[in-house]
Amino acid sequence: MKVVSSLKTLKTRDRNCRVIRRKGRLYVINKKNPRYKARQG
């Protein structure tokens, strides 16, 4: 999992990406392609 400063750029990379908030942190998850996992905060 990458820790990035901007999740918006990762979100636009793939159609299946979802931005999700958990415990005050932002995550990008992708069920189809787990390569795009990322966290912010």
Protein backbone atom coordinates (compact mmCIF):
# COMPACT_ATOMS: atom_id res chain seq x y z
CA MET A 1 0.00 0.00 0.00
CA LYS A 2 1.30 3.42 -0.94
CA VAL A 3 0.97 6.49 1.28
CA VAL A 4 0.34 9.46 -0.99
CA SER A 5 -0.34 13.17 -0.59
CA SER A 6 -3.03 13.27 -3.27
CA LEU A 7 -5.61 10.52 -3.62
CA LYS A 8 -7.46 12.21 -6.45
CA THR A 9 -4.74 11.35 -8.94
CA LEU A 10 -4.88 7.69 -7.95
CA LYS A 11 -8.65 7.64 -8.16
CA THR A 12 -8.69 8.75 -11.77
CA ARG A 13 -6.25 6.03 -12.82
CA ASP A 14 -8.73 3.18 -12.81
CA ARG A 15 -12.49 2.86 -13.15
CA ASN A 16 -12.86 0.51 -10.17
CA CYS A 17 -11.12 2.74 -7.63
CA ARG A 18 -13.16 3.85 -4.63
CA VAL A 19 -12.22 6.49 -2.06
CA ILE A 20 -13.25 5.40 1.44
CA ARG A 21 -12.94 7.02 4.87
CA ARG A 22 -11.97 4.78 7.79
CA LYS A 23 -10.93 5.97 11.25
CA GLY A 24 -10.14 9.47 9.98
CA ARG A 25 -7.94 8.19 7.18
CA LEU A 26 -8.66 8.21 3.48
CA TYR A 27 -8.15 5.04 1.49
CA VAL A 28 -8.27 4.20 -2.18
CA ILE A 29 -9.26 0.58 -2.68
CA ASN A 30 -9.73 -1.43 -5.82
CA LYS A 31 -11.17 -4.93 -5.71
CA LYS A 32 -10.37 -5.73 -9.34
CA ASN A 33 -6.78 -4.52 -9.25
CA PRO A 34 -5.29 -4.32 -5.70
CA ARG A 35 -2.24 -2.58 -7.14
CA TYR A 36 -4.01 0.75 -6.67
CA LYS A 37 -4.29 0.54 -2.89
CA ALA A 38 -3.33 3.81 -1.19
CA ARG A 39 -3.72 5.67 2.08
CA GLN A 40 -3.68 9.32 3.10
CA GLY A 41 -3.34 10.73 6.63
